[in-house]
């Protein structure tokens, strides 16, 4: 049994304060039984999130920073044929908010984009993308897909890196990104007077005025099906910087999946836990211990805040 927890901590000062007041007794007891093993990631400016890198490793994928083919994997899940040598990219419809001195990306979940609206918007944009030779496919309201040779090994930031932040920081200095920037500008012009957006704005909803490209690459076949459950319970509140809700979600996680892992470890079953922050994904696994070491671990309750703050 292996559980991965993205957004187990962030670098926000408010998150650090919330962590230090957070009581997670099951996580504490579980960490006393486990030993740190594989550590993934680098720093908070990497294009790929640490949980992406850790999951890619579990799949046996290869890829540089920002070049993990999540789009092809998601498109296949959405029933799209991604075979052949085409590279795929995930186009997420988004709202760009003009701040005082920069453009910020609003969490796409806040759009509450309906299926019919999303399809209508993509239909309006499809000729633009196809004029550049891109093949366009619809997957879900927040998942559009593009396929083109230029998307092979194109480094792109995960959208979680960009939400609530200046989009310019997360556009790599790659000549191929110039085309993406131009398409983003043309999409903004096309959608400015789009009937679907006008209807949304009339009812007080955010307009879709751009897209974010990520997860580019050619489909890779997993080397094995990983025995891994990714629990996204902390994601939404972390991205919204709602630390009270995030702390509540952590407590629920501690009482649920973490407690289940602890019970499995107590039965001597092989367990693993991967905790992910903005810089690192740290894996913990059961180590070979004597009876007295296991008995001592069961009595210890190490502080979890330092472990989580280091991610």
Foldseek 3Di string as FASTA:
>chain_A
DEEEEACLDEQDPVRLVLQVPFDQQLLLLVLLQWDWDDKDFADLLFQEFQVVVVVCVLLVHDADTQQAQPLLVLVVVLVDDQDDFWKKKWKFQWFWDDDPPAIATADSVQQVFDFVLQVVLCVLLVVVCVVVVWDWDDRGSGTIMTIDNLLANDHFHDVLSGHPHGVVSGQDPDVSCVVVVVSQVVQQVSQVPDPSQVVQVVVPGGGRRGIGIGNIHRDDGGPDDGPYDYDHQQPPCVSVVVSVSNSVSSNVCSVPVSNVQSVCVVVVHWYKYWYGYSGMIIIITRDDDDPVSSVVSSVDRDRCSVVNNVD
